[in-house]
């Protein structure tokens, strides 16, 4: 994985599953994480960032960005490539206290764009997504919190018409098209009321929202203002 230095900078300067850490009420929450997505024979390795801003009562607005690149792999015979993907999303969350914990319902719209290098260098795909999410967070004591989250991606995956050739375009869609239903568990530890460290394990691709992935592991920091 990439260096954790950007995470330490965020913490020193001072979200569903991209902003998984529940904490005392605050106006802004910033998250940054190293992320690995296990996908067939190639893994994606990168960073994800999130911003959550409280705007009214129990409603917050969210922004997220992720940037990851895959290991080299053979897409079709004679075509070895690496896929780089960048994803932006904007959404809203509604929080409510239920029993000993907190429920968050979320809705977001995102776009994930992919480019390849290696055997073919250029635009590869555009994946437009609506994401419906729900999570339940509960304090465990001693600064620890556990969050169970589920996110359903509704995707519109389009391979770029200029990408390589017809067989490669078909193979690309077969490999990455899909609408994941990702369920994950986050365990967070807050050494202070402003900073948390968290680890998330999720089924499928919970960050880029691409099809065909086995799981996602994220390790990150959250800072609250």
Protein backbone atom coordinates (compact mmCIF):
# COMPACT_ATOMS: atom_id res chain seq x y z
CA UNK A 1 0.00 0.00 0.00
CA UNK A 2 0.97 3.62 -0.42
CA UNK A 3 2.62 5.54 2.39
CA UNK A 4 0.52 6.44 5.39
CA UNK A 5 2.16 9.88 5.54
CA UNK A 6 -0.89 11.65 4.00
CA UNK A 7 -3.03 10.18 6.79
CA UNK A 8 -0.71 11.46 9.49
CA UNK A 9 -0.74 14.91 7.89
CA UNK A 10 -4.53 14.97 7.95
CA UNK A 11 -4.59 13.97 11.61
CA UNK A 12 -1.95 16.46 12.59
CA UNK A 13 -3.73 19.24 10.71
CA UNK A 14 -6.69 18.58 12.58
CA UNK A 15 -17.40 8.72 5.37
CA UNK A 16 -22.14 3.75 3.29
CA UNK A 17 -18.10 2.91 4.50
CA UNK A 18 -16.24 5.93 3.10
CA UNK A 19 -16.95 7.81 6.36
CA UNK A 20 -17.45 5.01 8.84
CA UNK A 21 -16.50 6.55 12.15
CA UNK A 22 -19.19 7.70 14.54
CA UNK A 23 -18.15 10.42 16.96
CA UNK A 24 -19.36 13.29 19.13
CA UNK A 25 -21.35 15.95 17.26
CA UNK A 26 -19.18 18.13 15.00
CA UNK A 27 -19.65 20.45 12.04
CA UNK A 28 -17.07 18.80 9.79
CA UNK A 29 -15.51 15.34 9.57
CA UNK A 30 -12.52 14.59 7.34
CA UNK A 31 -11.39 11.05 6.54
CA UNK A 32 -8.42 9.62 4.65
CA UNK A 33 -7.57 5.97 4.13
CA UNK A 34 -5.22 3.57 2.43
CA UNK A 35 -7.39 1.14 0.48
CA UNK A 36 -6.83 -2.24 -1.15
CA UNK A 37 -9.49 -3.83 -3.35
CA UNK A 38 -8.99 -7.54 -4.12
CA UNK A 39 -10.17 -8.18 -7.66
CA UNK A 40 -9.64 -11.50 -9.43
CA UNK A 41 -5.90 -11.82 -10.20
CA UNK A 42 -5.22 -8.09 -9.87
CA UNK A 43 -5.63 -5.87 -6.82
CA UNK A 44 -6.33 -2.16 -6.72
CA UNK A 45 -4.22 -0.11 -4.33
CA UNK A 46 -4.88 3.55 -3.56
CA UNK A 47 -6.25 6.29 -1.34
CA UNK A 48 -9.74 7.49 -0.48
CA UNK A 49 -10.82 10.77 1.11
CA UNK A 50 -14.12 12.03 2.50
CA UNK A 51 -15.72 15.18 3.85
CA UNK A 52 -18.93 15.25 5.90
CA UNK A 53 -20.55 18.58 6.77
CA UNK A 54 -23.46 18.92 9.19
CA UNK A 55 -26.01 21.26 7.58
CA UNK A 56 -29.27 20.95 9.52
CA UNK A 57 -30.58 18.96 12.49
CA UNK A 58 -29.71 15.31 11.66
CA UNK A 59 -28.82 15.94 8.00
CA UNK A 60 -25.29 16.12 6.59
CA UNK A 61 -23.81 16.53 3.13
CA UNK A 62 -20.92 14.33 1.98
CA UNK A 63 -18.17 14.50 -0.62
CA UNK A 64 -15.71 11.73 -1.40
CA UNK A 65 -12.79 11.07 -3.73
CA UNK A 66 -10.82 7.89 -4.41
CA UNK A 67 -7.82 7.24 -6.60
CA UNK A 68 -6.50 3.69 -7.14
CA UNK A 69 -4.46 1.69 -9.62
CA UNK A 70 -4.47 -2.03 -10.35
CA UNK A 71 -1.66 -4.52 -10.71
CA UNK A 72 -0.76 -5.34 -14.33
CA UNK A 73 -2.94 -8.10 -15.79
CA UNK A 74 -3.82 -9.70 -19.12
CA UNK A 75 -7.20 -8.37 -20.20
CA UNK A 76 -7.20 -10.45 -23.38
CA UNK A 77 -4.47 -12.43 -25.06
CA UNK A 78 -1.66 -10.08 -26.00
CA UNK A 79 -3.03 -7.08 -24.07
CA UNK A 80 -1.44 -6.50 -20.68
CA UNK A 81 -2.64 -3.35 -18.91
CA UNK A 82 -2.90 -1.51 -15.61
CA UNK A 83 -6.19 0.20 -14.77
CA UNK A 84 -6.22 3.49 -12.91
CA UNK A 85 -9.58 4.64 -11.56
CA UNK A 86 -10.72 7.90 -10.00
CA UNK A 87 -14.10 8.30 -8.33
CA UNK A 88 -15.96 11.40 -7.12
CA UNK A 89 -19.26 11.34 -5.25
CA UNK A 90 -21.66 13.73 -3.57
CA UNK A 91 -24.45 12.73 -1.23
CA UNK A 92 -26.53 13.25 1.89
CA UNK A 93 -26.86 11.40 5.20
CA UNK A 94 -29.54 11.27 7.87
CA UNK A 95 -28.55 10.23 11.41
CA UNK A 96 -30.84 8.97 14.16
CA UNK A 97 -30.30 7.43 17.58
CA UNK A 98 -31.70 3.89 17.87
CA UNK A 99 -31.24 1.81 21.02
CA UNK A 100 -27.64 1.86 22.23
CA UNK A 101 -26.28 3.09 18.91
CA UNK A 102 -26.82 5.30 15.87
CA UNK A 103 -28.36 4.55 12.47
CA UNK A 104 -27.26 6.45 9.37
CA UNK A 105 -29.18 6.35 6.08
CA UNK A 106 -27.40 7.69 3.01
CA UNK A 107 -27.87 8.44 -0.68
CA UNK A 108 -25.08 9.46 -3.04
CA UNK A 109 -24.31 9.96 -6.71
CA UNK A 110 -20.85 9.12 -8.01
CA UNK A 111 -18.77 8.74 -11.14
CA UNK A 112 -15.80 6.41 -11.51
CA UNK A 113 -13.59 6.97 -14.56
CA UNK A 114 -10.94 4.47 -15.64
CA UNK A 115 -7.84 4.79 -17.79
CA UNK A 116 -5.32 2.14 -18.77
CA UNK A 117 -1.62 2.12 -19.47
CA UNK A 118 0.65 -0.59 -20.77
CA UNK A 119 -0.61 -2.43 -23.84
CA UNK A 120 -3.17 0.34 -24.38
CA UNK A 121 -2.90 3.84 -22.98
CA UNK A 122 -6.08 5.91 -22.85
CA UNK A 123 -9.62 6.20 -21.56
CA UNK A 124 -11.19 2.87 -20.61
CA UNK A 125 -14.60 3.36 -18.97
CA UNK A 126 -17.03 5.65 -17.16
CA UNK A 127 -19.20 4.22 -14.39
CA UNK A 128 -22.07 6.42 -13.14
CA UNK A 129 -23.60 5.27 -9.86
CA UNK A 130 -26.34 5.85 -7.37
CA UNK A 131 -25.47 4.43 -3.94
CA UNK A 132 -28.00 3.61 -1.21
CA UNK A 133 -26.52 2.98 2.21
CA UNK A 134 -27.40 2.14 5.79
CA UNK A 135 -25.18 1.67 8.83
CA UNK A 136 -25.43 1.03 12.54
CA UNK A 137 -22.70 2.22 14.92
CA UNK A 138 -22.31 1.35 18.58
CA UNK A 139 -19.75 2.33 21.18
CA UNK A 140 -17.81 -0.60 22.67
CA UNK A 141 -16.14 1.34 25.47
CA UNK A 142 -12.55 2.45 26.07
CA UNK A 143 -12.69 4.63 22.95
CA UNK A 144 -13.67 1.80 20.58
CA UNK A 145 -16.64 1.88 18.16
CA UNK A 146 -18.00 -0.80 15.81
CA UNK A 147 -19.99 0.02 12.69
CA UNK A 148 -21.87 -2.42 10.47
CA UNK A 149 -22.65 -0.90 7.07
CA UNK A 150 -24.33 -1.95 3.82
CA UNK A 151 -24.13 -0.11 0.51
CA UNK A 152 -25.95 -0.94 -2.74
CA UNK A 153 -24.47 0.48 -5.94
CA UNK A 154 -26.76 0.99 -8.95
CA UNK A 155 -24.33 1.34 -11.82
CA UNK A 156 -24.40 2.48 -15.45
CA UNK A 157 -21.10 1.16 -16.83
CA UNK A 158 -19.93 2.33 -20.27
CA UNK A 159 -16.73 1.23 -21.98
CA UNK A 160 -15.07 4.02 -23.96
CA UNK A 161 -15.62 3.51 -27.70
CA UNK A 162 -11.99 4.31 -28.41
CA UNK A 163 -10.67 1.61 -26.06
CA UNK A 164 -8.46 -0.89 -27.92
CA UNK A 165 -10.67 -3.27 -29.93
CA UNK A 166 -14.09 -4.94 -29.74
CA UNK A 167 -12.90 -8.06 -27.90
CA UNK A 168 -10.99 -5.97 -25.35
CA UNK A 169 -14.02 -3.74 -24.77
CA UNK A 170 -16.19 -6.81 -24.16
CA UNK A 171 -13.62 -8.26 -21.76
CA UNK A 172 -13.35 -4.96 -19.87
CA UNK A 173 -17.13 -4.81 -19.35
CA UNK A 174 -17.25 -8.44 -18.25
CA UNK A 175 -14.51 -7.77 -15.73
CA UNK A 176 -15.66 -4.51 -14.11
CA UNK A 177 -19.37 -3.98 -14.89
CA UNK A 178 -21.79 -4.68 -12.04
CA UNK A 179 -23.77 -3.21 -9.15
CA UNK A 180 -22.08 -4.39 -5.94
CA UNK A 181 -23.91 -4.93 -2.67
CA UNK A 182 -21.17 -4.36 -0.13
CA UNK A 183 -21.51 -5.26 3.55
CA UNK A 184 -18.68 -4.29 5.84
CA UNK A 185 -17.52 -3.99 9.43
CA UNK A 186 -15.48 -1.07 10.77
CA UNK A 187 -13.68 -1.02 14.09
CA UNK A 188 -12.49 2.44 15.19
CA UNK A 189 -10.44 3.69 18.10
CA UNK A 190 -10.53 7.33 19.24
CA UNK A 191 -7.48 8.33 21.31
CA UNK A 192 -9.03 11.83 21.56
CA UNK A 193 -12.48 13.23 20.86
CA UNK A 194 -11.13 14.81 17.65
CA UNK A 195 -9.25 11.95 15.98
CA UNK A 196 -10.07 8.30 15.28
CA UNK A 197 -8.13 5.45 13.69
CA UNK A 198 -10.21 2.86 11.85
CA UNK A 199 -9.97 -0.44 10.00
CA UNK A 200 -12.70 -1.60 7.60
CA UNK A 201 -13.23 -4.98 5.96
CA UNK A 202 -16.02 -5.06 3.36
CA UNK A 203 -17.36 -7.55 0.87
CA UNK A 204 -17.01 -6.60 -2.80
CA UNK A 205 -15.79 -3.16 -3.89
CA UNK A 206 -16.98 -0.59 -1.35
CA UNK A 207 -14.78 2.27 -2.63
CA UNK A 208 -14.83 2.39 -6.45
CA UNK A 209 -18.07 0.42 -6.82
CA UNK A 210 -16.74 -1.79 -9.63
CA UNK A 211 -18.09 -5.26 -10.22
CA UNK A 212 -16.23 -8.54 -9.76
CA UNK A 213 -14.24 -7.65 -6.63
CA UNK A 214 -13.77 -10.03 -3.71
CA UNK A 215 -13.31 -7.59 -0.82
CA UNK A 216 -12.06 -4.18 0.28
CA UNK A 217 -9.73 -3.40 3.18
CA UNK A 218 -9.22 0.20 4.34
CA UNK A 219 -7.05 1.63 7.10
CA UNK A 220 -7.46 5.31 7.85
CA UNK A 221 -7.87 8.31 10.07
CA UNK A 222 -10.81 10.57 10.82
CA UNK A 223 -10.53 14.14 12.11
CA UNK A 224 -13.46 16.17 13.50
CA UNK A 225 -13.88 19.93 13.82
